[in-house]
Amino acid sequence: MKEVVVVDLITTVKFFLLDVDKPQDDRMLASCQVTDWEQLGGWVQLVHVNPNCRRQGYGRLLLQEMLAYAREADKTGLGLAVRKHNKAAYQLYKSLGFVGCYVHGQDIIMTIHLGHQEGGQGSG
């Protein structure tokens, strides 16, 4: 079974790992890091999917778990930067609710609002 593991490196950084499929297989499928950012809630960086595992839904699974974790942690939103030429990643982020805000050099800056209802429950 695949499992997303959250590693609390320091209080302001969370590292998400999509673990290996089989114990004898030592490759990590996907990972990303989220850093606290007071202005928005968090900044997603270092998103990586093992090249041999791309286009199989692992990046989506990892990011969905990361978004659920961010909502549970009462983050108001998240931001990220994606290279303009990385159309697959851009489409993935867009399909998860991230919206392109502006272009900065070779990057498209995207954000997602993680609205909260009373009681800290994420509304989407």
PDB file of N, CA and C in Angstrom:
ATOM      1  N   MET A   1       0.836  -1.184   0.000  1.00  0.00           N
ATOM      2  CA  MET A   1       0.000   0.000   0.000  1.00  0.00           C
ATOM      3  C   MET A   1       0.879   1.245   0.000  1.00  0.00           C
ATOM      4  N   LYS A   2       0.492   2.219  -0.775  1.00  0.00           N
ATOM      5  CA  LYS A   2       1.222   3.480  -0.810  1.00  0.00           C
ATOM      6  C   LYS A   2       0.772   4.333   0.363  1.00  0.00           C
ATOM      7  N   GLU A   3       1.691   5.075   0.942  1.00  0.00           N
ATOM      8  CA  GLU A   3       1.372   5.867   2.114  1.00  0.00           C
ATOM      9  C   GLU A   3       2.078   7.208   2.022  1.00  0.00           C
ATOM     10  N   VAL A   4       1.349   8.266   2.373  1.00  0.00           N
ATOM     11  CA  VAL A   4       1.957   9.583   2.443  1.00  0.00           C
ATOM     12  C   VAL A   4       2.417   9.792   3.875  1.00  0.00           C
ATOM     13  N   VAL A   5       3.684  10.107   4.039  1.00  0.00           N
ATOM     14  CA  VAL A   5       4.277  10.320   5.349  1.00  0.00           C
ATOM     15  C   VAL A   5       4.605  11.793   5.481  1.00  0.00           C
ATOM     16  N   VAL A   6       4.260  12.393   6.626  1.00  0.00           N
ATOM     17  CA  VAL A   6       4.591  13.785   6.892  1.00  0.00           C
ATOM     18  C   VAL A   6       5.762  13.801   7.861  1.00  0.00           C
ATOM     19  N   VAL A   7       6.839  14.450   7.468  1.00  0.00           N
ATOM     20  CA  VAL A   7       8.015  14.563   8.309  1.00  0.00           C
ATOM     21  C   VAL A   7       8.100  15.999   8.791  1.00  0.00           C
ATOM     22  N   ASP A   8       8.065  16.205  10.092  1.00  0.00           N
ATOM     23  CA  ASP A   8       8.125  17.541  10.675  1.00  0.00           C
ATOM     24  C   ASP A   8       9.588  17.885  10.928  1.00  0.00           C
ATOM     25  N   LEU A   9      10.232  18.531   9.942  1.00  0.00           N
ATOM     26  CA  LEU A   9      11.653  18.844  10.058  1.00  0.00           C
ATOM     27  C   LEU A   9      11.908  19.927  11.095  1.00  0.00           C
ATOM     28  N   ILE A  10      11.194  21.015  10.972  1.00  0.00           N
ATOM     29  CA  ILE A  10      11.196  22.081  11.966  1.00  0.00           C
ATOM     30  C   ILE A  10       9.775  22.616  12.001  1.00  0.00           C
ATOM     31  N   THR A  11       9.467  23.503  12.897  1.00  0.00           N
ATOM     32  CA  THR A  11       8.078  23.923  13.057  1.00  0.00           C
ATOM     33  C   THR A  11       7.519  24.624  11.833  1.00  0.00           C
ATOM     34  N   THR A  12       8.345  25.141  10.958  1.00  0.00           N
ATOM     35  CA  THR A  12       7.830  25.892   9.815  1.00  0.00           C
ATOM     36  C   THR A  12       7.897  25.132   8.497  1.00  0.00           C
ATOM     37  N   VAL A  13       8.386  23.901   8.511  1.00  0.00           N
ATOM     38  CA  VAL A  13       8.531  23.139   7.272  1.00  0.00           C
ATOM     39  C   VAL A  13       7.913  21.755   7.447  1.00  0.00           C
ATOM     40  N   LYS A  14       7.107  21.352   6.474  1.00  0.00           N
ATOM     41  CA  LYS A  14       6.560  19.995   6.439  1.00  0.00           C
ATOM     42  C   LYS A  14       7.036  19.356   5.144  1.00  0.00           C
ATOM     43  N   PHE A  15       7.461  18.120   5.226  1.00  0.00           N
ATOM     44  CA  PHE A  15       7.952  17.392   4.063  1.00  0.00           C
ATOM     45  C   PHE A  15       7.038  16.198   3.849  1.00  0.00           C
ATOM     46  N   PHE A  16       6.437  16.085   2.677  1.00  0.00           N
ATOM     47  CA  PHE A  16       5.498  15.018   2.357  1.00  0.00           C
ATOM     48  C   PHE A  16       6.179  14.016   1.433  1.00  0.00           C
ATOM     49  N   LEU A  17       6.086  12.745   1.783  1.00  0.00           N
ATOM     50  CA  LEU A  17       6.699  11.683   0.993  1.00  0.00           C
ATOM     51  C   LEU A  17       5.643  10.665   0.615  1.00  0.00           C
ATOM     52  N   LEU A  18       5.590  10.299  -0.634  1.00  0.00           N
ATOM     53  CA  LEU A  18       4.763   9.181  -1.059  1.00  0.00           C
ATOM     54  C   LEU A  18       5.688   7.986  -1.097  1.00  0.00           C
ATOM     55  N   ASP A  19       5.458   7.075  -0.185  1.00  0.00           N
ATOM     56  CA  ASP A  19       6.381   5.977   0.079  1.00  0.00           C
ATOM     57  C   ASP A  19       6.374   4.943  -1.044  1.00  0.00           C
ATOM     58  N   VAL A  20       7.303   4.033  -0.928  1.00  0.00           N
ATOM     59  CA  VAL A  20       7.478   2.985  -1.933  1.00  0.00           C
ATOM     60  C   VAL A  20       6.279   2.045  -1.970  1.00  0.00           C
ATOM     61  N   ASP A  21       6.087   1.430  -3.110  1.00  0.00           N
ATOM     62  CA  ASP A  21       4.976   0.501  -3.300  1.00  0.00           C
ATOM     63  C   ASP A  21       5.249  -0.841  -2.630  1.00  0.00           C
ATOM     64  N   LYS A  22       6.478  -1.301  -2.725  1.00  0.00           N
ATOM     65  CA  LYS A  22       6.848  -2.603  -2.167  1.00  0.00           C
ATOM     66  C   LYS A  22       8.057  -2.413  -1.255  1.00  0.00           C
ATOM     67  N   PRO A  23       8.095  -3.115  -0.125  1.00  0.00           N
ATOM     68  CA  PRO A  23       9.226  -2.946   0.800  1.00  0.00           C
ATOM     69  C   PRO A  23      10.588  -3.174   0.152  1.00  0.00           C
ATOM     70  N   GLN A  24      10.680  -4.093  -0.812  1.00  0.00           N
ATOM     71  CA  GLN A  24      11.974  -4.369  -1.434  1.00  0.00           C
ATOM     72  C   GLN A  24      12.363  -3.303  -2.462  1.00  0.00           C
ATOM     73  N   ASP A  25      11.423  -2.436  -2.797  1.00  0.00           N
ATOM     74  CA  ASP A  25      11.663  -1.370  -3.774  1.00  0.00           C
ATOM     75  C   ASP A  25      12.032  -0.113  -3.000  1.00  0.00           C
ATOM     76  N   ASP A  26      13.262   0.347  -3.149  1.00  0.00           N
ATOM     77  CA  ASP A  26      13.736   1.445  -2.309  1.00  0.00           C
ATOM     78  C   ASP A  26      13.537   2.826  -2.916  1.00  0.00           C
ATOM     79  N   ARG A  27      12.782   2.942  -3.978  1.00  0.00           N
ATOM     80  CA  ARG A  27      12.602   4.257  -4.593  1.00  0.00           C
ATOM     81  C   ARG A  27      11.440   5.016  -3.947  1.00  0.00           C
ATOM     82  N   MET A  28      11.623   6.302  -3.810  1.00  0.00           N
ATOM     83  CA  MET A  28      10.560   7.174  -3.344  1.00  0.00           C
ATOM     84  C   MET A  28       9.745   7.565  -4.574  1.00  0.00           C
ATOM     85  N   LEU A  29       8.427   7.494  -4.470  1.00  0.00           N
ATOM     86  CA  LEU A  29       7.582   7.785  -5.618  1.00  0.00           C
ATOM     87  C   LEU A  29       7.433   9.274  -5.857  1.00  0.00           C
ATOM     88  N   ALA A  30       7.195  10.041  -4.776  1.00  0.00           N
ATOM     89  CA  ALA A  30       6.965  11.480  -4.930  1.00  0.00           C
ATOM     90  C   ALA A  30       7.219  12.172  -3.602  1.00  0.00           C
ATOM     91  N   SER A  31       7.540  13.461  -3.678  1.00  0.00           N
ATOM     92  CA  SER A  31       7.765  14.241  -2.458  1.00  0.00           C
ATOM     93  C   SER A  31       7.493  15.711  -2.729  1.00  0.00           C
ATOM     94  N   CYS A  32       7.200  16.439  -1.667  1.00  0.00           N
ATOM     95  CA  CYS A  32       7.104  17.898  -1.752  1.00  0.00           C
ATOM     96  C   CYS A  32       7.330  18.486  -0.372  1.00  0.00           C
ATOM     97  N   GLN A  33       7.635  19.738  -0.348  1.00  0.00           N
ATOM     98  CA  GLN A  33       7.893  20.462   0.890  1.00  0.00           C
ATOM     99  C   GLN A  33       6.958  21.652   0.955  1.00  0.00           C
ATOM    100  N   VAL A  34       6.415  21.917   2.141  1.00  0.00           N
ATOM    101  CA  VAL A  34       5.579  23.091   2.354  1.00  0.00           C
ATOM    102  C   VAL A  34       6.185  23.887   3.496  1.00  0.00           C
ATOM    103  N   THR A  35       6.457  25.150   3.228  1.00  0.00           N
ATOM    104  CA  THR A  35       7.025  26.051   4.221  1.00  0.00           C
ATOM    105  C   THR A  35       5.955  27.029   4.664  1.00  0.00           C
ATOM    106  N   ASP A  36       5.860  27.266   5.975  1.00  0.00           N
ATOM    107  CA  ASP A  36       4.924  28.277   6.466  1.00  0.00           C
ATOM    108  C   ASP A  36       5.258  29.620   5.849  1.00  0.00           C
ATOM    109  N   TRP A  37       4.227  30.333   5.459  1.00  0.00           N
ATOM    110  CA  TRP A  37       4.384  31.671   4.901  1.00  0.00           C
ATOM    111  C   TRP A  37       3.236  32.498   5.430  1.00  0.00           C
ATOM    112  N   GLU A  38       3.532  33.411   6.316  1.00  0.00           N
ATOM    113  CA  GLU A  38       2.518  34.162   7.045  1.00  0.00           C
ATOM    114  C   GLU A  38       1.528  34.872   6.132  1.00  0.00           C
ATOM    115  N   GLN A  39       1.992  35.406   5.009  1.00  0.00           N
ATOM    116  CA  GLN A  39       1.118  36.178   4.122  1.00  0.00           C
ATOM    117  C   GLN A  39       0.031  35.332   3.480  1.00  0.00           C
ATOM    118  N   LEU A  40       0.264  34.047   3.304  1.00  0.00           N
ATOM    119  CA  LEU A  40      -0.677  33.216   2.567  1.00  0.00           C
ATOM    120  C   LEU A  40      -1.091  31.974   3.346  1.00  0.00           C
ATOM    121  N   GLY A  41      -0.221  31.469   4.153  1.00  0.00           N
ATOM    122  CA  GLY A  41      -0.469  30.229   4.878  1.00  0.00           C
ATOM    123  C   GLY A  41       0.660  29.246   4.658  1.00  0.00           C
ATOM    124  N   GLY A  42       1.053  29.065   3.408  1.00  0.00           N
ATOM    125  CA  GLY A  42       2.143  28.150   3.111  1.00  0.00           C
ATOM    126  C   GLY A  42       2.616  28.292   1.681  1.00  0.00           C
ATOM    127  N   TRP A  43       3.837  27.863   1.444  1.00  0.00           N
ATOM    128  CA  TRP A  43       4.436  27.899   0.113  1.00  0.00           C
ATOM    129  C   TRP A  43       4.901  26.492  -0.231  1.00  0.00           C
ATOM    130  N   VAL A  44       4.395  25.963  -1.335  1.00  0.00           N
ATOM    131  CA  VAL A  44       4.729  24.618  -1.790  1.00  0.00           C
ATOM    132  C   VAL A  44       5.992  24.710  -2.641  1.00  0.00           C
ATOM    133  N   GLN A  45       6.952  23.852  -2.340  1.00  0.00           N
ATOM    134  CA  GLN A  45       8.186  23.875  -3.120  1.00  0.00           C
ATOM    135  C   GLN A  45       8.767  22.465  -3.211  1.00  0.00           C
ATOM    136  N   LEU A  46       9.714  22.323  -4.061  1.00  0.00           N
ATOM    137  CA  LEU A  46      10.434  21.065  -4.235  1.00  0.00           C
ATOM    138  C   LEU A  46       9.503  19.889  -4.507  1.00  0.00           C
ATOM    139  N   VAL A  47       8.496  20.105  -5.352  1.00  0.00           N
ATOM    140  CA  VAL A  47       7.615  19.005  -5.748  1.00  0.00           C
ATOM    141  C   VAL A  47       8.386  18.121  -6.726  1.00  0.00           C
ATOM    142  N   HIS A  48       8.428  16.838  -6.429  1.00  0.00           N
ATOM    143  CA  HIS A  48       9.182  15.920  -7.288  1.00  0.00           C
ATOM    144  C   HIS A  48       8.456  14.583  -7.376  1.00  0.00           C
ATOM    145  N   VAL A  49       8.338  14.073  -8.584  1.00  0.00           N
ATOM    146  CA  VAL A  49       7.837  12.720  -8.811  1.00  0.00           C
ATOM    147  C   VAL A  49       8.946  11.951  -9.519  1.00  0.00           C
ATOM    148  N   ASN A  50       9.253  10.780  -9.009  1.00  0.00           N
ATOM    149  CA  ASN A  50      10.268   9.934  -9.621  1.00  0.00           C
ATOM    150  C   ASN A  50       9.987   9.836 -11.124  1.00  0.00           C
ATOM    151  N   PRO A  51      10.973  10.127 -11.972  1.00  0.00           N
ATOM    152  CA  PRO A  51      10.742  10.110 -13.424  1.00  0.00           C
ATOM    153  C   PRO A  51      10.140   8.804 -13.944  1.00  0.00           C
ATOM    154  N   ASN A  52      10.462   7.686 -13.322  1.00  0.00           N
ATOM    155  CA  ASN A  52       9.910   6.398 -13.742  1.00  0.00           C
ATOM    156  C   ASN A  52       8.467   6.198 -13.294  1.00  0.00           C
ATOM    157  N   CYS A  53       7.965   7.127 -12.481  1.00  0.00           N
ATOM    158  CA  CYS A  53       6.627   6.980 -11.896  1.00  0.00           C
ATOM    159  C   CYS A  53       5.673   8.088 -12.328  1.00  0.00           C
ATOM    160  N   ARG A  54       6.082   8.908 -13.270  1.00  0.00           N
ATOM    161  CA  ARG A  54       5.231  10.020 -13.698  1.00  0.00           C
ATOM    162  C   ARG A  54       4.054   9.532 -14.528  1.00  0.00           C
ATOM    163  N   ARG A  55       2.996  10.364 -14.555  1.00  0.00           N
ATOM    164  CA  ARG A  55       1.777  10.093 -15.324  1.00  0.00           C
ATOM    165  C   ARG A  55       1.034   8.852 -14.806  1.00  0.00           C
ATOM    166  N   GLN A  56       1.201   8.580 -13.500  1.00  0.00           N
ATOM    167  CA  GLN A  56       0.524   7.441 -12.886  1.00  0.00           C
ATOM    168  C   GLN A  56      -0.346   7.872 -11.703  1.00  0.00           C
ATOM    169  N   GLY A  57      -0.473   9.182 -11.482  1.00  0.00           N
ATOM    170  CA  GLY A  57      -1.333   9.683 -10.418  1.00  0.00           C
ATOM    171  C   GLY A  57      -0.659   9.889  -9.076  1.00  0.00           C
ATOM    172  N   TYR A  58       0.636   9.617  -8.982  1.00  0.00           N
ATOM    173  CA  TYR A  58       1.317   9.756  -7.698  1.00  0.00           C
ATOM    174  C   TYR A  58       1.450  11.213  -7.263  1.00  0.00           C
ATOM    175  N   GLY A  59       1.750  12.097  -8.201  1.00  0.00           N
ATOM    176  CA  GLY A  59       1.838  13.522  -7.869  1.00  0.00           C
ATOM    177  C   GLY A  59       0.503  14.052  -7.383  1.00  0.00           C
ATOM    178  N   ARG A  60      -0.563  13.672  -8.059  1.00  0.00           N
ATOM    179  CA  ARG A  60      -1.912  14.094  -7.661  1.00  0.00           C
ATOM    180  C   ARG A  60      -2.237  13.579  -6.254  1.00  0.00           C
ATOM    181  N   LEU A  61      -1.971  12.305  -6.002  1.00  0.00           N
ATOM    182  CA  LEU A  61      -2.237  11.723  -4.687  1.00  0.00           C
ATOM    183  C   LEU A  61      -1.474  12.467  -3.597  1.00  0.00           C
ATOM    184  N   LEU A  62      -0.201  12.708  -3.835  1.00  0.00           N
ATOM    185  CA  LEU A  62       0.625  13.412  -2.861  1.00  0.00           C
ATOM    186  C   LEU A  62       0.078  14.812  -2.594  1.00  0.00           C
ATOM    187  N   LEU A  63      -0.242  15.550  -3.654  1.00  0.00           N
ATOM    188  CA  LEU A  63      -0.721  16.921  -3.492  1.00  0.00           C
ATOM    189  C   LEU A  63      -2.108  16.963  -2.861  1.00  0.00           C
ATOM    190  N   GLN A  64      -2.961  15.996  -3.150  1.00  0.00           N
ATOM    191  CA  GLN A  64      -4.267  15.941  -2.494  1.00  0.00           C
ATOM    192  C   GLN A  64      -4.104  15.735  -0.995  1.00  0.00           C
ATOM    193  N   GLU A  65      -3.200  14.862  -0.605  1.00  0.00           N
ATOM    194  CA  GLU A  65      -2.938  14.639   0.824  1.00  0.00           C
ATOM    195  C   GLU A  65      -2.345  15.888   1.470  1.00  0.00           C
ATOM    196  N   MET A  66      -1.444  16.558   0.749  1.00  0.00           N
ATOM    197  CA  MET A  66      -0.845  17.784   1.263  1.00  0.00           C
ATOM    198  C   MET A  66      -1.909  18.856   1.454  1.00  0.00           C
ATOM    199  N   LEU A  67      -2.842  18.990   0.500  1.00  0.00           N
ATOM    200  CA  LEU A  67      -3.923  19.974   0.620  1.00  0.00           C
ATOM    201  C   LEU A  67      -4.843  19.636   1.789  1.00  0.00           C
ATOM    202  N   ALA A  68      -5.151  18.364   1.976  1.00  0.00           N
ATOM    203  CA  ALA A  68      -5.986  17.953   3.110  1.00  0.00           C
ATOM    204  C   ALA A  68      -5.293  18.293   4.422  1.00  0.00           C
ATOM    205  N   TYR A  69      -3.996  18.041   4.487  1.00  0.00           N
ATOM    206  CA  TYR A  69      -3.219  18.361   5.685  1.00  0.00           C
ATOM    207  C   TYR A  69      -3.227  19.866   5.938  1.00  0.00           C
ATOM    208  N   ALA A  70      -3.064  20.658   4.888  1.00  0.00           N
ATOM    209  CA  ALA A  70      -3.057  22.119   5.027  1.00  0.00           C
ATOM    210  C   ALA A  70      -4.406  22.616   5.539  1.00  0.00           C
ATOM    211  N   ARG A  71      -5.490  22.040   5.040  1.00  0.00           N
ATOM    212  CA  ARG A  71      -6.825  22.431   5.515  1.00  0.00           C
ATOM    213  C   ARG A  71      -6.994  22.082   6.990  1.00  0.00           C
ATOM    214  N   GLU A  72      -6.569  20.883   7.377  1.00  0.00           N
ATOM    215  CA  GLU A  72      -6.659  20.469   8.776  1.00  0.00           C
ATOM    216  C   GLU A  72      -5.820  21.365   9.672  1.00  0.00           C
ATOM    217  N   ALA A  73      -4.725  21.891   9.137  1.00  0.00           N
ATOM    218  CA  ALA A  73      -3.847  22.786   9.897  1.00  0.00           C
ATOM    219  C   ALA A  73      -4.334  24.230   9.842  1.00  0.00           C
ATOM    220  N   ASP A  74      -5.543  24.444   9.291  1.00  0.00           N
ATOM    221  CA  ASP A  74      -6.162  25.768   9.201  1.00  0.00           C
ATOM    222  C   ASP A  74      -5.349  26.775   8.399  1.00  0.00           C
ATOM    223  N   LYS A  75      -4.646  26.300   7.380  1.00  0.00           N
ATOM    224  CA  LYS A  75      -3.965  27.225   6.469  1.00  0.00           C
ATOM    225  C   LYS A  75      -5.028  27.951   5.651  1.00  0.00           C
ATOM    226  N   THR A  76      -4.838  29.238   5.429  1.00  0.00           N
ATOM    227  CA  THR A  76      -5.808  30.011   4.650  1.00  0.00           C
ATOM    228  C   THR A  76      -5.594  29.843   3.156  1.00  0.00           C
ATOM    229  N   GLY A  77      -4.391  29.498   2.762  1.00  0.00           N
ATOM    230  CA  GLY A  77      -4.090  29.310   1.356  1.00  0.00           C
ATOM    231  C   GLY A  77      -2.671  28.827   1.172  1.00  0.00           C
ATOM    232  N   LEU A  78      -2.351  28.485  -0.061  1.00  0.00           N
ATOM    233  CA  LEU A  78      -1.006  28.043  -0.417  1.00  0.00           C
ATOM    234  C   LEU A  78      -0.616  28.686  -1.736  1.00  0.00           C
ATOM    235  N   GLY A  79       0.664  28.860  -1.923  1.00  0.00           N
ATOM    236  CA  GLY A  79       1.186  29.365  -3.182  1.00  0.00           C
ATOM    237  C   GLY A  79       2.294  28.460  -3.677  1.00  0.00           C
ATOM    238  N   LEU A  80       2.588  28.580  -4.954  1.00  0.00           N
ATOM    239  CA  LEU A  80       3.692  27.826  -5.542  1.00  0.00           C
ATOM    240  C   LEU A  80       4.125  28.508  -6.827  1.00  0.00           C
ATOM    241  N   ALA A  81       5.272  28.112  -7.310  1.00  0.00           N
ATOM    242  CA  ALA A  81       5.771  28.592  -8.603  1.00  0.00           C
ATOM    243  C   ALA A  81       6.003  27.378  -9.485  1.00  0.00           C
ATOM    244  N   VAL A  82       5.570  27.473 -10.732  1.00  0.00           N
ATOM    245  CA  VAL A  82       5.782  26.395 -11.694  1.00  0.00           C
ATOM    246  C   VAL A  82       6.399  27.006 -12.950  1.00  0.00           C
ATOM    247  N   ARG A  83       7.378  26.337 -13.512  1.00  0.00           N
ATOM    248  CA  ARG A  83       8.023  26.824 -14.734  1.00  0.00           C
ATOM    249  C   ARG A  83       7.012  26.888 -15.872  1.00  0.00           C
ATOM    250  N   LYS A  84       7.104  27.949 -16.663  1.00  0.00           N
ATOM    251  CA  LYS A  84       6.172  28.133 -17.782  1.00  0.00           C
ATOM    252  C   LYS A  84       6.178  26.944 -18.737  1.00  0.00           C
ATOM    253  N   HIS A  85       7.325  26.344 -18.940  1.00  0.00           N
ATOM    254  CA  HIS A  85       7.429  25.232 -19.888  1.00  0.00           C
ATOM    255  C   HIS A  85       6.892  23.914 -19.320  1.00  0.00           C
ATOM    256  N   ASN A  86       6.626  23.852 -18.019  1.00  0.00           N
ATOM    257  CA  ASN A  86       6.175  22.611 -17.387  1.00  0.00           C
ATOM    258  C   ASN A  86       4.644  22.520 -17.432  1.00  0.00           C
ATOM    259  N   LYS A  87       4.139  22.277 -18.624  1.00  0.00           N
ATOM    260  CA  LYS A  87       2.684  22.275 -18.861  1.00  0.00           C
ATOM    261  C   LYS A  87       1.961  21.195 -18.058  1.00  0.00           C
ATOM    262  N   ALA A  88       2.575  20.021 -17.915  1.00  0.00           N
ATOM    263  CA  ALA A  88       1.930  18.934 -17.173  1.00  0.00           C
ATOM    264  C   ALA A  88       1.730  19.323 -15.712  1.00  0.00           C
ATOM    265  N   ALA A  89       2.762  19.903 -15.086  1.00  0.00           N
ATOM    266  CA  ALA A  89       2.633  20.320 -13.688  1.00  0.00           C
ATOM    267  C   ALA A  89       1.613  21.443 -13.559  1.00  0.00           C
ATOM    268  N   TYR A  90       1.645  22.390 -14.481  1.00  0.00           N
ATOM    269  CA  TYR A  90       0.683  23.496 -14.450  1.00  0.00           C
ATOM    270  C   TYR A  90      -0.744  22.954 -14.503  1.00  0.00           C
ATOM    271  N   GLN A  91      -1.004  22.026 -15.409  1.00  0.00           N
ATOM    272  CA  GLN A  91      -2.347  21.451 -15.535  1.00  0.00           C
ATOM    273  C   GLN A  91      -2.744  20.678 -14.279  1.00  0.00           C
ATOM    274  N   LEU A  92      -1.795  19.985 -13.678  1.00  0.00           N
ATOM    275  CA  LEU A  92      -2.077  19.262 -12.433  1.00  0.00           C
ATOM    276  C   LEU A  92      -2.479  20.238 -11.334  1.00  0.00           C
ATOM    277  N   TYR A  93      -1.680  21.286 -11.137  1.00  0.00           N
ATOM    278  CA  TYR A  93      -1.990  22.269 -10.090  1.00  0.00           C
ATOM    279  C   TYR A  93      -3.341  22.928 -10.352  1.00  0.00           C
ATOM    280  N   LYS A  94      -3.592  23.272 -11.606  1.00  0.00           N
ATOM    281  CA  LYS A  94      -4.861  23.904 -11.976  1.00  0.00           C
ATOM    282  C   LYS A  94      -6.037  22.972 -11.669  1.00  0.00           C
ATOM    283  N   SER A  95      -5.889  21.698 -11.975  1.00  0.00           N
ATOM    284  CA  SER A  95      -6.969  20.735 -11.730  1.00  0.00           C
ATOM    285  C   SER A  95      -7.242  20.542 -10.242  1.00  0.00           C
ATOM    286  N   LEU A  96      -6.262  20.867  -9.406  1.00  0.00           N
ATOM    287  CA  LEU A  96      -6.428  20.753  -7.958  1.00  0.00           C
ATOM    288  C   LEU A  96      -6.971  22.036  -7.333  1.00  0.00           C
ATOM    289  N   GLY A  97      -7.153  23.083  -8.157  1.00  0.00           N
ATOM    290  CA  GLY A  97      -7.734  24.321  -7.656  1.00  0.00           C
ATOM    291  C   GLY A  97      -6.789  25.501  -7.582  1.00  0.00           C
ATOM    292  N   PHE A  98      -5.515  25.309  -7.913  1.00  0.00           N
ATOM    293  CA  PHE A  98      -4.582  26.434  -7.938  1.00  0.00           C
ATOM    294  C   PHE A  98      -4.921  27.324  -9.128  1.00  0.00           C
ATOM    295  N   VAL A  99      -4.742  28.619  -8.946  1.00  0.00           N
ATOM    296  CA  VAL A  99      -5.051  29.606  -9.979  1.00  0.00           C
ATOM    297  C   VAL A  99      -3.787  30.400 -10.278  1.00  0.00           C
ATOM    298  N   GLY A 100      -3.490  30.580 -11.563  1.00  0.00           N
ATOM    299  CA  GLY A 100      -2.352  31.406 -11.950  1.00  0.00           C
ATOM    300  C   GLY A 100      -2.611  32.861 -11.615  1.00  0.00           C
ATOM    301  N   CYS A 101      -1.676  33.486 -10.923  1.00  0.00           N
ATOM    302  CA  CYS A 101      -1.836  34.884 -10.499  1.00  0.00           C
ATOM    303  C   CYS A 101      -1.014  35.835 -11.356  1.00  0.00           C
ATOM    304  N   TYR A 102       0.238  35.483 -11.581  1.00  0.00           N
ATOM    305  CA  TYR A 102       1.102  36.332 -12.391  1.00  0.00           C
ATOM    306  C   TYR A 102       2.336  35.548 -12.809  1.00  0.00           C
ATOM    307  N   VAL A 103       3.063  36.112 -13.760  1.00  0.00           N
ATOM    308  CA  VAL A 103       4.294  35.503 -14.251  1.00  0.00           C
ATOM    309  C   VAL A 103       5.463  36.276 -13.672  1.00  0.00           C
ATOM    310  N   HIS A 104       6.453  35.535 -13.179  1.00  0.00           N
ATOM    311  CA  HIS A 104       7.665  36.129 -12.635  1.00  0.00           C
ATOM    312  C   HIS A 104       8.842  35.420 -13.305  1.00  0.00           C
ATOM    313  N   GLY A 105       9.454  36.086 -14.276  1.00  0.00           N
ATOM    314  CA  GLY A 105      10.546  35.459 -15.019  1.00  0.00           C
ATOM    315  C   GLY A 105      10.044  34.241 -15.769  1.00  0.00           C
ATOM    316  N   GLN A 106      10.626  33.087 -15.485  1.00  0.00           N
ATOM    317  CA  GLN A 106      10.229  31.832 -16.131  1.00  0.00           C
ATOM    318  C   GLN A 106       9.155  31.078 -15.349  1.00  0.00           C
ATOM    319  N   ASP A 107       8.686  31.664 -14.248  1.00  0.00           N
ATOM    320  CA  ASP A 107       7.722  30.991 -13.384  1.00  0.00           C
ATOM    321  C   ASP A 107       6.331  31.590 -13.472  1.00  0.00           C
ATOM    322  N   ILE A 108       5.331  30.727 -13.342  1.00  0.00           N
ATOM    323  CA  ILE A 108       3.953  31.155 -13.144  1.00  0.00           C
ATOM    324  C   ILE A 108       3.671  30.977 -11.659  1.00  0.00           C
ATOM    325  N   ILE A 109       3.276  32.042 -11.000  1.00  0.00           N
ATOM    326  CA  ILE A 109       2.937  31.982  -9.584  1.00  0.00           C
ATOM    327  C   ILE A 109       1.464  31.615  -9.479  1.00  0.00           C
ATOM    328  N   MET A 110       1.195  30.571  -8.708  1.00  0.00           N
ATOM    329  CA  MET A 110      -0.175  30.078  -8.552  1.00  0.00           C
ATOM    330  C   MET A 110      -0.535  30.046  -7.066  1.00  0.00           C
ATOM    331  N   THR A 111      -1.807  30.253  -6.774  1.00  0.00           N
ATOM    332  CA  THR A 111      -2.275  30.181  -5.388  1.00  0.00           C
ATOM    333  C   THR A 111      -3.579  29.391  -5.334  1.00  0.00           C
ATOM    334  N   ILE A 112      -3.872  28.919  -4.148  1.00  0.00           N
ATOM    335  CA  ILE A 112      -5.154  28.271  -3.884  1.00  0.00           C
ATOM    336  C   ILE A 112      -5.667  28.801  -2.553  1.00  0.00           C
ATOM    337  N   HIS A 113      -6.941  29.155  -2.517  1.00  0.00           N
ATOM    338  CA  HIS A 113      -7.568  29.609  -1.281  1.00  0.00           C
ATOM    339  C   HIS A 113      -8.156  28.393  -0.583  1.00  0.00           C
ATOM    340  N   LEU A 114      -7.811  28.227   0.671  1.00  0.00           N
ATOM    341  CA  LEU A 114      -8.334  27.112   1.460  1.00  0.00           C
ATOM    342  C   LEU A 114      -9.303  27.682   2.481  1.00  0.00           C
ATOM    343  N   GLY A 115     -10.504  28.004   2.028  1.00  0.00           N
ATOM    344  CA  GLY A 115     -11.495  28.618   2.898  1.00  0.00           C
ATOM    345  C   GLY A 115     -11.833  27.732   4.074  1.00  0.00           C
ATOM    346  N   HIS A 116     -12.181  28.367   5.176  1.00  0.00           N
ATOM    347  CA  HIS A 116     -12.521  27.633   6.392  1.00  0.00           C
ATOM    348  C   HIS A 116     -13.883  28.063   6.887  1.00  0.00           C
ATOM    349  N   GLN A 117     -14.661  27.085   7.323  1.00  0.00           N
ATOM    350  CA  GLN A 117     -15.918  27.362   7.989  1.00  0.00           C
ATOM    351  C   GLN A 117     -15.635  27.425   9.479  1.00  0.00           C
ATOM    352  N   GLU A 118     -16.636  27.823  10.255  1.00  0.00           N
ATOM    353  CA  GLU A 118     -16.452  27.831  11.704  1.00  0.00           C
ATOM    354  C   GLU A 118     -16.089  26.432  12.159  1.00  0.00           C
ATOM    355  N   GLY A 119     -15.211  26.379  13.146  1.00  0.00           N
ATOM    356  CA  GLY A 119     -14.771  25.094  13.660  1.00  0.00           C
ATOM    357  C   GLY A 119     -13.551  24.552  12.944  1.00  0.00           C
ATOM    358  N   GLY A 120     -13.012  25.324  11.979  1.00  0.00           N
ATOM    359  CA  GLY A 120     -11.775  24.933  11.316  1.00  0.00           C
ATOM    360  C   GLY A 120     -11.945  23.907  10.219  1.00  0.00           C
ATOM    361  N   GLN A 121     -13.180  23.606   9.817  1.00  0.00           N
ATOM    362  CA  GLN A 121     -13.398  22.636   8.751  1.00  0.00           C
ATOM    363  C   GLN A 121     -13.184  23.306   7.404  1.00  0.00           C
ATOM    364  N   GLY A 122     -12.364  22.717   6.568  1.00  0.00           N
ATOM    365  CA  GLY A 122     -12.109  23.272   5.239  1.00  0.00           C
ATOM    366  C   GLY A 122     -13.354  23.206   4.375  1.00  0.00           C
ATOM    367  N   SER A 123     -13.629  24.286   3.653  1.00  0.00           N
ATOM    368  CA  SER A 123     -14.791  24.307   2.772  1.00  0.00           C
ATOM    369  C   SER A 123     -14.415  24.091   1.322  1.00  0.00           C
ATOM    370  N   GLY A 124     -13.130  23.970   1.057  1.00  0.00           N
ATOM    371  CA  GLY A 124     -12.748  23.657  -0.307  1.00  0.00           C
ATOM    372  C   GLY A 124     -11.906  24.683  -0.887  1.00  0.00           C
TER     373      GLY A 124
END
